[in-house]
Every structure is written in structure tokens, then in C-alpha cells.
mmCIF file of all heavy atoms, coordinates in Angstrom:
data_MODEL
# 
_entry.id   MODEL 
# 
loop_
_atom_site.group_PDB 
_atom_site.id 
_atom_site.type_symbol 
_atom_site.label_atom_id 
_atom_site.label_alt_id 
_atom_site.label_comp_id 
_atom_site.label_asym_id 
_atom_site.label_entity_id 
_atom_site.label_seq_id 
_atom_site.pdbx_PDB_ins_code 
_atom_site.Cartn_x 
_atom_site.Cartn_y 
_atom_site.Cartn_z 
_atom_site.occupancy 
_atom_site.B_iso_or_equiv 
_atom_site.pdbx_formal_charge 
_atom_site.auth_seq_id 
_atom_site.auth_comp_id 
_atom_site.auth_asym_id 
_atom_site.auth_atom_id 
_atom_site.pdbx_PDB_model_num 
ATOM 1   N N   . GLU A 1 1  ? -34.872 -60.674 -16.257 1.00 0.00 ? 1  GLU A N   1 
ATOM 2   C CA  . GLU A 1 1  ? -35.296 -61.943 -17.029 1.00 0.00 ? 1  GLU A CA  1 
ATOM 3   C C   . GLU A 1 1  ? -36.814 -61.945 -16.857 1.00 0.00 ? 1  GLU A C   1 
ATOM 4   O O   . GLU A 1 1  ? -37.474 -62.462 -17.823 1.00 0.00 ? 1  GLU A O   1 
ATOM 5   C CB  . GLU A 1 1  ? -34.618 -63.082 -16.496 1.00 0.00 ? 1  GLU A CB  1 
ATOM 6   C CG  . GLU A 1 1  ? -33.166 -63.245 -16.932 1.00 0.00 ? 1  GLU A CG  1 
ATOM 7   C CD  . GLU A 1 1  ? -32.651 -64.568 -16.628 1.00 0.00 ? 1  GLU A CD  1 
ATOM 8   O OE1 . GLU A 1 1  ? -33.298 -65.501 -16.278 1.00 0.00 ? 1  GLU A OE1 1 
ATOM 9   O OE2 . GLU A 1 1  ? -31.380 -64.727 -16.687 1.00 0.00 ? 1  GLU A OE2 1 
ATOM 10  N N   . SER A 1 2  ? -37.322 -61.637 -15.765 1.00 0.00 ? 2  SER A N   1 
ATOM 11  C CA  . SER A 1 2  ? -38.808 -61.822 -15.571 1.00 0.00 ? 2  SER A CA  1 
ATOM 12  C C   . SER A 1 2  ? -39.596 -60.773 -16.415 1.00 0.00 ? 2  SER A C   1 
ATOM 13  O O   . SER A 1 2  ? -39.400 -59.634 -16.351 1.00 0.00 ? 2  SER A O   1 
ATOM 14  C CB  . SER A 1 2  ? -39.064 -61.501 -14.056 1.00 0.00 ? 2  SER A CB  1 
ATOM 15  O OG  . SER A 1 2  ? -40.449 -61.257 -13.898 1.00 0.00 ? 2  SER A OG  1 
ATOM 16  N N   . LEU A 1 3  ? -40.411 -61.413 -17.260 1.00 0.00 ? 3  LEU A N   1 
ATOM 17  C CA  . LEU A 1 3  ? -41.256 -60.529 -18.129 1.00 0.00 ? 3  LEU A CA  1 
ATOM 18  C C   . LEU A 1 3  ? -42.196 -59.686 -17.318 1.00 0.00 ? 3  LEU A C   1 
ATOM 19  O O   . LEU A 1 3  ? -42.399 -58.517 -17.766 1.00 0.00 ? 3  LEU A O   1 
ATOM 20  C CB  . LEU A 1 3  ? -41.931 -61.465 -19.169 1.00 0.00 ? 3  LEU A CB  1 
ATOM 21  C CG  . LEU A 1 3  ? -41.117 -62.040 -20.252 1.00 0.00 ? 3  LEU A CG  1 
ATOM 22  C CD1 . LEU A 1 3  ? -42.109 -63.048 -21.091 1.00 0.00 ? 3  LEU A CD1 1 
ATOM 23  C CD2 . LEU A 1 3  ? -40.560 -61.093 -21.181 1.00 0.00 ? 3  LEU A CD2 1 
ATOM 24  N N   . LYS A 1 4  ? -42.793 -60.207 -16.228 1.00 0.00 ? 4  LYS A N   1 
ATOM 25  C CA  . LYS A 1 4  ? -43.665 -59.406 -15.430 1.00 0.00 ? 4  LYS A CA  1 
ATOM 26  C C   . LYS A 1 4  ? -42.967 -58.184 -14.872 1.00 0.00 ? 4  LYS A C   1 
ATOM 27  O O   . LYS A 1 4  ? -43.531 -57.089 -14.947 1.00 0.00 ? 4  LYS A O   1 
ATOM 28  C CB  . LYS A 1 4  ? -44.198 -60.301 -14.333 1.00 0.00 ? 4  LYS A CB  1 
ATOM 29  C CG  . LYS A 1 4  ? -45.267 -59.578 -13.525 1.00 0.00 ? 4  LYS A CG  1 
ATOM 30  C CD  . LYS A 1 4  ? -45.796 -60.543 -12.454 1.00 0.00 ? 4  LYS A CD  1 
ATOM 31  C CE  . LYS A 1 4  ? -46.906 -59.843 -11.580 1.00 0.00 ? 4  LYS A CE  1 
ATOM 32  N NZ  . LYS A 1 4  ? -47.504 -60.761 -10.624 1.00 0.00 ? 4  LYS A NZ  1 
ATOM 33  N N   . GLU A 1 5  ? -41.792 -58.410 -14.347 1.00 0.00 ? 5  GLU A N   1 
ATOM 34  C CA  . GLU A 1 5  ? -41.113 -57.225 -13.851 1.00 0.00 ? 5  GLU A CA  1 
ATOM 35  C C   . GLU A 1 5  ? -40.624 -56.318 -14.959 1.00 0.00 ? 5  GLU A C   1 
ATOM 36  O O   . GLU A 1 5  ? -40.653 -55.128 -14.760 1.00 0.00 ? 5  GLU A O   1 
ATOM 37  C CB  . GLU A 1 5  ? -39.782 -57.838 -13.080 1.00 0.00 ? 5  GLU A CB  1 
ATOM 38  C CG  . GLU A 1 5  ? -40.155 -58.546 -11.796 1.00 0.00 ? 5  GLU A CG  1 
ATOM 39  C CD  . GLU A 1 5  ? -38.855 -59.096 -11.160 1.00 0.00 ? 5  GLU A CD  1 
ATOM 40  O OE1 . GLU A 1 5  ? -37.749 -58.559 -11.519 1.00 0.00 ? 5  GLU A OE1 1 
ATOM 41  O OE2 . GLU A 1 5  ? -38.908 -59.975 -10.352 1.00 0.00 ? 5  GLU A OE2 1 
ATOM 42  N N   . ALA A 1 6  ? -40.223 -56.917 -16.218 1.00 0.00 ? 6  ALA A N   1 
ATOM 43  C CA  . ALA A 1 6  ? -39.735 -56.040 -17.243 1.00 0.00 ? 6  ALA A CA  1 
ATOM 44  C C   . ALA A 1 6  ? -41.038 -55.255 -17.722 1.00 0.00 ? 6  ALA A C   1 
ATOM 45  O O   . ALA A 1 6  ? -40.907 -53.866 -17.984 1.00 0.00 ? 6  ALA A O   1 
ATOM 46  C CB  . ALA A 1 6  ? -39.228 -56.823 -18.335 1.00 0.00 ? 6  ALA A CB  1 
ATOM 47  N N   . CYS A 1 7  ? -42.134 -55.770 -17.907 1.00 0.00 ? 7  CYS A N   1 
ATOM 48  C CA  . CYS A 1 7  ? -43.361 -55.068 -18.298 1.00 0.00 ? 7  CYS A CA  1 
ATOM 49  C C   . CYS A 1 7  ? -43.682 -53.944 -17.254 1.00 0.00 ? 7  CYS A C   1 
ATOM 50  O O   . CYS A 1 7  ? -44.122 -52.818 -17.668 1.00 0.00 ? 7  CYS A O   1 
ATOM 51  C CB  . CYS A 1 7  ? -44.545 -55.982 -18.458 1.00 0.00 ? 7  CYS A CB  1 
ATOM 52  S SG  . CYS A 1 7  ? -44.380 -57.019 -19.798 1.00 0.00 ? 7  CYS A SG  1 
ATOM 53  N N   . SER A 1 8  ? -43.590 -54.158 -16.004 1.00 0.00 ? 8  SER A N   1 
ATOM 54  C CA  . SER A 1 8  ? -43.853 -53.262 -15.070 1.00 0.00 ? 8  SER A CA  1 
ATOM 55  C C   . SER A 1 8  ? -42.888 -52.018 -15.085 1.00 0.00 ? 8  SER A C   1 
ATOM 56  O O   . SER A 1 8  ? -43.254 -50.857 -15.021 1.00 0.00 ? 8  SER A O   1 
ATOM 57  C CB  . SER A 1 8  ? -43.768 -53.809 -13.561 1.00 0.00 ? 8  SER A CB  1 
ATOM 58  O OG  . SER A 1 8  ? -43.904 -52.898 -12.609 1.00 0.00 ? 8  SER A OG  1 
ATOM 59  N N   . ILE A 1 9  ? -41.494 -52.230 -15.413 1.00 0.00 ? 9  ILE A N   1 
ATOM 60  C CA  . ILE A 1 9  ? -40.508 -51.188 -15.496 1.00 0.00 ? 9  ILE A CA  1 
ATOM 61  C C   . ILE A 1 9  ? -40.862 -50.387 -16.744 1.00 0.00 ? 9  ILE A C   1 
ATOM 62  O O   . ILE A 1 9  ? -40.906 -49.109 -16.696 1.00 0.00 ? 9  ILE A O   1 
ATOM 63  C CB  . ILE A 1 9  ? -39.168 -51.815 -15.574 1.00 0.00 ? 9  ILE A CB  1 
ATOM 64  C CG1 . ILE A 1 9  ? -38.794 -52.454 -14.241 1.00 0.00 ? 9  ILE A CG1 1 
ATOM 65  C CG2 . ILE A 1 9  ? -38.127 -50.758 -16.108 1.00 0.00 ? 9  ILE A CG2 1 
ATOM 66  C CD1 . ILE A 1 9  ? -37.493 -53.254 -14.342 1.00 0.00 ? 9  ILE A CD1 1 
ATOM 67  N N   . VAL A 1 10 ? -41.172 -50.970 -17.865 1.00 0.00 ? 10 VAL A N   1 
ATOM 68  C CA  . VAL A 1 10 ? -41.491 -50.171 -19.129 1.00 0.00 ? 10 VAL A CA  1 
ATOM 69  C C   . VAL A 1 10 ? -42.711 -49.413 -18.972 1.00 0.00 ? 10 VAL A C   1 
ATOM 70  O O   . VAL A 1 10 ? -42.872 -48.166 -19.249 1.00 0.00 ? 10 VAL A O   1 
ATOM 71  C CB  . VAL A 1 10 ? -41.530 -51.079 -20.245 1.00 0.00 ? 10 VAL A CB  1 
ATOM 72  C CG1 . VAL A 1 10 ? -41.815 -50.320 -21.563 1.00 0.00 ? 10 VAL A CG1 1 
ATOM 73  C CG2 . VAL A 1 10 ? -40.196 -51.924 -20.424 1.00 0.00 ? 10 VAL A CG2 1 
ATOM 74  N N   . SER A 1 11 ? -43.810 -50.022 -18.327 1.00 0.00 ? 11 SER A N   1 
ATOM 75  C CA  . SER A 1 11 ? -45.037 -49.383 -18.194 1.00 0.00 ? 11 SER A CA  1 
ATOM 76  C C   . SER A 1 11 ? -44.897 -48.137 -17.255 1.00 0.00 ? 11 SER A C   1 
ATOM 77  O O   . SER A 1 11 ? -45.504 -47.117 -17.552 1.00 0.00 ? 11 SER A O   1 
ATOM 78  C CB  . SER A 1 11 ? -46.139 -50.298 -17.531 1.00 0.00 ? 11 SER A CB  1 
ATOM 79  O OG  . SER A 1 11 ? -46.346 -51.379 -18.415 1.00 0.00 ? 11 SER A OG  1 
ATOM 80  N N   . LYS A 1 12 ? -44.064 -48.173 -16.273 1.00 0.00 ? 12 LYS A N   1 
ATOM 81  C CA  . LYS A 1 12 ? -43.909 -47.115 -15.362 1.00 0.00 ? 12 LYS A CA  1 
ATOM 82  C C   . LYS A 1 12 ? -43.192 -45.943 -16.036 1.00 0.00 ? 12 LYS A C   1 
ATOM 83  O O   . LYS A 1 12 ? -43.224 -44.797 -15.529 1.00 0.00 ? 12 LYS A O   1 
ATOM 84  C CB  . LYS A 1 12 ? -43.236 -47.569 -14.038 1.00 0.00 ? 12 LYS A CB  1 
ATOM 85  C CG  . LYS A 1 12 ? -43.997 -48.377 -13.160 1.00 0.00 ? 12 LYS A CG  1 
ATOM 86  C CD  . LYS A 1 12 ? -43.244 -48.784 -11.896 1.00 0.00 ? 12 LYS A CD  1 
ATOM 87  C CE  . LYS A 1 12 ? -44.049 -49.732 -11.065 1.00 0.00 ? 12 LYS A CE  1 
ATOM 88  N NZ  . LYS A 1 12 ? -43.248 -50.238 -9.874  1.00 0.00 ? 12 LYS A NZ  1 
ATOM 89  N N   . ALA A 1 13 ? -42.672 -46.209 -17.092 1.00 0.00 ? 13 ALA A N   1 
ATOM 90  C CA  . ALA A 1 13 ? -41.912 -45.103 -17.810 1.00 0.00 ? 13 ALA A CA  1 
ATOM 91  C C   . ALA A 1 13 ? -42.895 -44.176 -18.501 1.00 0.00 ? 13 ALA A C   1 
ATOM 92  O O   . ALA A 1 13 ? -42.576 -43.089 -19.012 1.00 0.00 ? 13 ALA A O   1 
ATOM 93  C CB  . ALA A 1 13 ? -40.861 -45.600 -18.909 1.00 0.00 ? 13 ALA A CB  1 
ATOM 94  N N   . GLU A 1 14 ? -44.183 -44.614 -18.586 1.00 0.00 ? 14 GLU A N   1 
ATOM 95  C CA  . GLU A 1 14 ? -45.248 -43.832 -19.198 1.00 0.00 ? 14 GLU A CA  1 
ATOM 96  C C   . GLU A 1 14 ? -44.911 -43.254 -20.457 1.00 0.00 ? 14 GLU A C   1 
ATOM 97  O O   . GLU A 1 14 ? -44.936 -42.057 -20.853 1.00 0.00 ? 14 GLU A O   1 
ATOM 98  C CB  . GLU A 1 14 ? -45.712 -42.597 -18.261 1.00 0.00 ? 14 GLU A CB  1 
ATOM 99  C CG  . GLU A 1 14 ? -46.311 -43.082 -16.936 1.00 0.00 ? 14 GLU A CG  1 
ATOM 100 C CD  . GLU A 1 14 ? -46.767 -41.993 -16.003 1.00 0.00 ? 14 GLU A CD  1 
ATOM 101 O OE1 . GLU A 1 14 ? -46.328 -40.763 -16.283 1.00 0.00 ? 14 GLU A OE1 1 
ATOM 102 O OE2 . GLU A 1 14 ? -47.568 -42.166 -15.238 1.00 0.00 ? 14 GLU A OE2 1 
ATOM 103 N N   . LEU A 1 15 ? -44.478 -44.166 -21.458 1.00 0.00 ? 15 LEU A N   1 
ATOM 104 C CA  . LEU A 1 15 ? -44.138 -43.823 -22.773 1.00 0.00 ? 15 LEU A CA  1 
ATOM 105 C C   . LEU A 1 15 ? -45.275 -43.398 -23.594 1.00 0.00 ? 15 LEU A C   1 
ATOM 106 O O   . LEU A 1 15 ? -46.483 -43.845 -23.425 1.00 0.00 ? 15 LEU A O   1 
ATOM 107 C CB  . LEU A 1 15 ? -43.438 -45.020 -23.522 1.00 0.00 ? 15 LEU A CB  1 
ATOM 108 C CG  . LEU A 1 15 ? -42.257 -45.604 -22.748 1.00 0.00 ? 15 LEU A CG  1 
ATOM 109 C CD1 . LEU A 1 15 ? -41.808 -46.880 -23.359 1.00 0.00 ? 15 LEU A CD1 1 
ATOM 110 C CD2 . LEU A 1 15 ? -41.110 -44.598 -22.789 1.00 0.00 ? 15 LEU A CD2 1 
ATOM 111 N N   . ASP A 1 16 ? -45.030 -42.405 -24.557 1.00 0.00 ? 16 ASP A N   1 
ATOM 112 C CA  . ASP A 1 16 ? -46.079 -42.186 -25.584 1.00 0.00 ? 16 ASP A CA  1 
ATOM 113 C C   . ASP A 1 16 ? -45.982 -43.093 -26.711 1.00 0.00 ? 16 ASP A C   1 
ATOM 114 O O   . ASP A 1 16 ? -46.947 -43.414 -27.324 1.00 0.00 ? 16 ASP A O   1 
ATOM 115 C CB  . ASP A 1 16 ? -45.807 -40.722 -26.111 1.00 0.00 ? 16 ASP A CB  1 
ATOM 116 C CG  . ASP A 1 16 ? -46.019 -39.626 -25.053 1.00 0.00 ? 16 ASP A CG  1 
ATOM 117 O OD1 . ASP A 1 16 ? -47.064 -39.605 -24.509 1.00 0.00 ? 16 ASP A OD1 1 
ATOM 118 O OD2 . ASP A 1 16 ? -44.985 -38.980 -24.770 1.00 0.00 ? 16 ASP A OD2 1 
ATOM 119 N N   . ILE A 1 17 ? -44.815 -43.649 -26.954 1.00 0.00 ? 17 ILE A N   1 
ATOM 120 C CA  . ILE A 1 17 ? -44.465 -44.526 -28.120 1.00 0.00 ? 17 ILE A CA  1 
ATOM 121 C C   . ILE A 1 17 ? -43.358 -45.541 -27.823 1.00 0.00 ? 17 ILE A C   1 
ATOM 122 O O   . ILE A 1 17 ? -42.364 -44.977 -27.162 1.00 0.00 ? 17 ILE A O   1 
ATOM 123 C CB  . ILE A 1 17 ? -44.284 -43.728 -29.350 1.00 0.00 ? 17 ILE A CB  1 
ATOM 124 C CG1 . ILE A 1 17 ? -44.083 -44.738 -30.585 1.00 0.00 ? 17 ILE A CG1 1 
ATOM 125 C CG2 . ILE A 1 17 ? -43.183 -42.763 -29.300 1.00 0.00 ? 17 ILE A CG2 1 
ATOM 126 C CD1 . ILE A 1 17 ? -44.208 -43.894 -31.921 1.00 0.00 ? 17 ILE A CD1 1 
ATOM 127 N N   . LEU A 1 18 ? -43.403 -46.678 -28.117 1.00 0.00 ? 18 LEU A N   1 
ATOM 128 C CA  . LEU A 1 18 ? -42.341 -47.688 -27.983 1.00 0.00 ? 18 LEU A CA  1 
ATOM 129 C C   . LEU A 1 18 ? -41.977 -48.278 -29.176 1.00 0.00 ? 18 LEU A C   1 
ATOM 130 O O   . LEU A 1 18 ? -42.807 -48.789 -29.954 1.00 0.00 ? 18 LEU A O   1 
ATOM 131 C CB  . LEU A 1 18 ? -42.831 -48.749 -26.946 1.00 0.00 ? 18 LEU A CB  1 
ATOM 132 C CG  . LEU A 1 18 ? -41.911 -49.900 -26.602 1.00 0.00 ? 18 LEU A CG  1 
ATOM 133 C CD1 . LEU A 1 18 ? -40.563 -49.423 -26.098 1.00 0.00 ? 18 LEU A CD1 1 
ATOM 134 C CD2 . LEU A 1 18 ? -42.511 -50.843 -25.670 1.00 0.00 ? 18 LEU A CD2 1 
ATOM 135 N N   . PHE A 1 19 ? -40.666 -48.193 -29.522 1.00 0.00 ? 19 PHE A N   1 
ATOM 136 C CA  . PHE A 1 19 ? -40.133 -48.595 -30.862 1.00 0.00 ? 19 PHE A CA  1 
ATOM 137 C C   . PHE A 1 19 ? -39.230 -49.822 -30.593 1.00 0.00 ? 19 PHE A C   1 
ATOM 138 O O   . PHE A 1 19 ? -38.233 -49.792 -29.831 1.00 0.00 ? 19 PHE A O   1 
ATOM 139 C CB  . PHE A 1 19 ? -39.383 -47.470 -31.425 1.00 0.00 ? 19 PHE A CB  1 
ATOM 140 C CG  . PHE A 1 19 ? -38.720 -47.871 -32.810 1.00 0.00 ? 19 PHE A CG  1 
ATOM 141 C CD1 . PHE A 1 19 ? -39.395 -48.522 -33.752 1.00 0.00 ? 19 PHE A CD1 1 
ATOM 142 C CD2 . PHE A 1 19 ? -37.375 -47.427 -32.994 1.00 0.00 ? 19 PHE A CD2 1 
ATOM 143 C CE1 . PHE A 1 19 ? -38.759 -48.776 -34.913 1.00 0.00 ? 19 PHE A CE1 1 
ATOM 144 C CE2 . PHE A 1 19 ? -36.794 -47.721 -34.242 1.00 0.00 ? 19 PHE A CE2 1 
ATOM 145 C CZ  . PHE A 1 19 ? -37.483 -48.403 -35.182 1.00 0.00 ? 19 PHE A CZ  1 
ATOM 146 N N   . TYR A 1 20 ? -39.616 -50.942 -31.309 1.00 0.00 ? 20 TYR A N   1 
ATOM 147 C CA  . TYR A 1 20 ? -38.802 -52.121 -31.389 1.00 0.00 ? 20 TYR A CA  1 
ATOM 148 C C   . TYR A 1 20 ? -38.122 -52.254 -32.776 1.00 0.00 ? 20 TYR A C   1 
ATOM 149 O O   . TYR A 1 20 ? -38.800 -52.568 -33.635 1.00 0.00 ? 20 TYR A O   1 
ATOM 150 C CB  . TYR A 1 20 ? -39.578 -53.503 -31.119 1.00 0.00 ? 20 TYR A CB  1 
ATOM 151 C CG  . TYR A 1 20 ? -40.209 -53.572 -29.751 1.00 0.00 ? 20 TYR A CG  1 
ATOM 152 C CD1 . TYR A 1 20 ? -41.469 -53.040 -29.485 1.00 0.00 ? 20 TYR A CD1 1 
ATOM 153 C CD2 . TYR A 1 20 ? -39.618 -54.263 -28.747 1.00 0.00 ? 20 TYR A CD2 1 
ATOM 154 C CE1 . TYR A 1 20 ? -42.160 -53.290 -28.293 1.00 0.00 ? 20 TYR A CE1 1 
ATOM 155 C CE2 . TYR A 1 20 ? -40.228 -54.452 -27.549 1.00 0.00 ? 20 TYR A CE2 1 
ATOM 156 C CZ  . TYR A 1 20 ? -41.472 -53.986 -27.295 1.00 0.00 ? 20 TYR A CZ  1 
ATOM 157 O OH  . TYR A 1 20 ? -42.048 -54.189 -26.128 1.00 0.00 ? 20 TYR A OH  1 
ATOM 158 N N   . PRO A 1 21 ? -36.827 -51.893 -32.849 1.00 0.00 ? 21 PRO A N   1 
ATOM 159 C CA  . PRO A 1 21 ? -36.199 -51.963 -34.199 1.00 0.00 ? 21 PRO A CA  1 
ATOM 160 C C   . PRO A 1 21 ? -36.166 -53.233 -34.817 1.00 0.00 ? 21 PRO A C   1 
ATOM 161 O O   . PRO A 1 21 ? -36.141 -53.396 -36.136 1.00 0.00 ? 21 PRO A O   1 
ATOM 162 C CB  . PRO A 1 21 ? -34.789 -51.417 -33.942 1.00 0.00 ? 21 PRO A CB  1 
ATOM 163 C CG  . PRO A 1 21 ? -34.907 -50.668 -32.658 1.00 0.00 ? 21 PRO A CG  1 
ATOM 164 C CD  . PRO A 1 21 ? -35.812 -51.495 -31.879 1.00 0.00 ? 21 PRO A CD  1 
ATOM 165 N N   . ASP A 1 22 ? -36.223 -54.298 -34.118 1.00 0.00 ? 22 ASP A N   1 
ATOM 166 C CA  . ASP A 1 22 ? -35.804 -55.674 -34.727 1.00 0.00 ? 22 ASP A CA  1 
ATOM 167 C C   . ASP A 1 22 ? -36.496 -56.881 -34.044 1.00 0.00 ? 22 ASP A C   1 
ATOM 168 O O   . ASP A 1 22 ? -35.854 -57.778 -33.568 1.00 0.00 ? 22 ASP A O   1 
ATOM 169 C CB  . ASP A 1 22 ? -34.322 -55.858 -34.455 1.00 0.00 ? 22 ASP A CB  1 
ATOM 170 C CG  . ASP A 1 22 ? -33.850 -55.668 -33.068 1.00 0.00 ? 22 ASP A CG  1 
ATOM 171 O OD1 . ASP A 1 22 ? -33.839 -56.709 -32.330 1.00 0.00 ? 22 ASP A OD1 1 
ATOM 172 O OD2 . ASP A 1 22 ? -33.453 -54.586 -32.664 1.00 0.00 ? 22 ASP A OD2 1 
ATOM 173 N N   . ILE A 1 23 ? -37.769 -56.851 -33.983 1.00 0.00 ? 23 ILE A N   1 
ATOM 174 C CA  . ILE A 1 23 ? -38.522 -57.912 -33.353 1.00 0.00 ? 23 ILE A CA  1 
ATOM 175 C C   . ILE A 1 23 ? -38.300 -59.224 -34.130 1.00 0.00 ? 23 ILE A C   1 
ATOM 176 O O   . ILE A 1 23 ? -38.584 -59.329 -35.392 1.00 0.00 ? 23 ILE A O   1 
ATOM 177 C CB  . ILE A 1 23 ? -40.007 -57.725 -33.283 1.00 0.00 ? 23 ILE A CB  1 
ATOM 178 C CG1 . ILE A 1 23 ? -40.231 -56.545 -32.326 1.00 0.00 ? 23 ILE A CG1 1 
ATOM 179 C CG2 . ILE A 1 23 ? -40.723 -59.014 -32.816 1.00 0.00 ? 23 ILE A CG2 1 
ATOM 180 C CD1 . ILE A 1 23 ? -41.700 -56.155 -32.194 1.00 0.00 ? 23 ILE A CD1 1 
ATOM 181 N N   . GLY A 1 24 ? -37.739 -60.327 -33.590 1.00 0.00 ? 24 GLY A N   1 
ATOM 182 C CA  . GLY A 1 24 ? -37.443 -61.571 -34.223 1.00 0.00 ? 24 GLY A CA  1 
ATOM 183 C C   . GLY A 1 24 ? -35.954 -61.893 -34.155 1.00 0.00 ? 24 GLY A C   1 
ATOM 184 O O   . GLY A 1 24 ? -35.539 -63.020 -34.222 1.00 0.00 ? 24 GLY A O   1 
ATOM 185 N N   . MET A 1 25 ? -35.145 -60.895 -33.778 1.00 0.00 ? 25 MET A N   1 
ATOM 186 C CA  . MET A 1 25 ? -33.710 -61.180 -33.592 1.00 0.00 ? 25 MET A CA  1 
ATOM 187 C C   . MET A 1 25 ? -33.395 -61.749 -32.266 1.00 0.00 ? 25 MET A C   1 
ATOM 188 O O   . MET A 1 25 ? -32.383 -62.334 -32.082 1.00 0.00 ? 25 MET A O   1 
ATOM 189 C CB  . MET A 1 25 ? -32.940 -59.824 -33.690 1.00 0.00 ? 25 MET A CB  1 
ATOM 190 C CG  . MET A 1 25 ? -33.023 -59.170 -35.108 1.00 0.00 ? 25 MET A CG  1 
ATOM 191 S SD  . MET A 1 25 ? -31.982 -60.090 -36.305 1.00 0.00 ? 25 MET A SD  1 
ATOM 192 C CE  . MET A 1 25 ? -30.314 -59.673 -35.804 1.00 0.00 ? 25 MET A CE  1 
ATOM 193 N N   . SER A 1 26 ? -34.316 -61.375 -31.259 1.00 0.00 ? 26 SER A N   1 
ATOM 194 C CA  . SER A 1 26 ? -34.079 -61.920 -29.965 1.00 0.00 ? 26 SER A CA  1 
ATOM 195 C C   . SER A 1 26 ? -35.325 -62.482 -29.384 1.00 0.00 ? 26 SER A C   1 
ATOM 196 O O   . SER A 1 26 ? -36.489 -61.899 -29.458 1.00 0.00 ? 26 SER A O   1 
ATOM 197 C CB  . SER A 1 26 ? -33.638 -60.669 -29.000 1.00 0.00 ? 26 SER A CB  1 
ATOM 198 O OG  . SER A 1 26 ? -33.865 -61.037 -27.667 1.00 0.00 ? 26 SER A OG  1 
ATOM 199 N N   . PRO A 1 27 ? -35.266 -63.691 -28.773 1.00 0.00 ? 27 PRO A N   1 
ATOM 200 C CA  . PRO A 1 27 ? -36.595 -64.251 -28.124 1.00 0.00 ? 27 PRO A CA  1 
ATOM 201 C C   . PRO A 1 27 ? -37.025 -63.365 -27.002 1.00 0.00 ? 27 PRO A C   1 
ATOM 202 O O   . PRO A 1 27 ? -38.281 -63.293 -26.687 1.00 0.00 ? 27 PRO A O   1 
ATOM 203 C CB  . PRO A 1 27 ? -36.089 -65.592 -27.536 1.00 0.00 ? 27 PRO A CB  1 
ATOM 204 C CG  . PRO A 1 27 ? -34.813 -65.916 -28.367 1.00 0.00 ? 27 PRO A CG  1 
ATOM 205 C CD  . PRO A 1 27 ? -34.142 -64.599 -28.716 1.00 0.00 ? 27 PRO A CD  1 
ATOM 206 N N   . TYR A 1 28 ? -36.156 -62.597 -26.380 1.00 0.00 ? 28 TYR A N   1 
ATOM 207 C CA  . TYR A 1 28 ? -36.568 -61.768 -25.198 1.00 0.00 ? 28 TYR A CA  1 
ATOM 208 C C   . TYR A 1 28 ? -37.585 -60.631 -25.710 1.00 0.00 ? 28 TYR A C   1 
ATOM 209 O O   . TYR A 1 28 ? -38.634 -60.459 -25.136 1.00 0.00 ? 28 TYR A O   1 
ATOM 210 C CB  . TYR A 1 28 ? -35.387 -61.198 -24.493 1.00 0.00 ? 28 TYR A CB  1 
ATOM 211 C CG  . TYR A 1 28 ? -35.731 -60.395 -23.232 1.00 0.00 ? 28 TYR A CG  1 
ATOM 212 C CD1 . TYR A 1 28 ? -35.868 -60.950 -22.068 1.00 0.00 ? 28 TYR A CD1 1 
ATOM 213 C CD2 . TYR A 1 28 ? -35.893 -58.978 -23.282 1.00 0.00 ? 28 TYR A CD2 1 
ATOM 214 C CE1 . TYR A 1 28 ? -36.243 -60.291 -20.859 1.00 0.00 ? 28 TYR A CE1 1 
ATOM 215 C CE2 . TYR A 1 28 ? -36.218 -58.279 -22.220 1.00 0.00 ? 28 TYR A CE2 1 
ATOM 216 C CZ  . TYR A 1 28 ? -36.377 -58.871 -20.937 1.00 0.00 ? 28 TYR A CZ  1 
ATOM 217 O OH  . TYR A 1 28 ? -36.735 -58.181 -19.836 1.00 0.00 ? 28 TYR A OH  1 
# 
């Protein structure tokens, strides 16, 4: 639930590209 923790987890994945199929369907 913590956005700070979530951002840390995603950032550590060292992605080249991040795809959000449906921004607007979920507040999260």
C-alpha cells in the first residue's frame, strides 16, 4: 500500500520500460 515502498521496489527492478495498460481504472 505504501507508495514509497512500491516505488522503491519497482525502481530496484531497473526496468528499461514500464507499461501501464489502464491508468484511470485504479486509484493505486
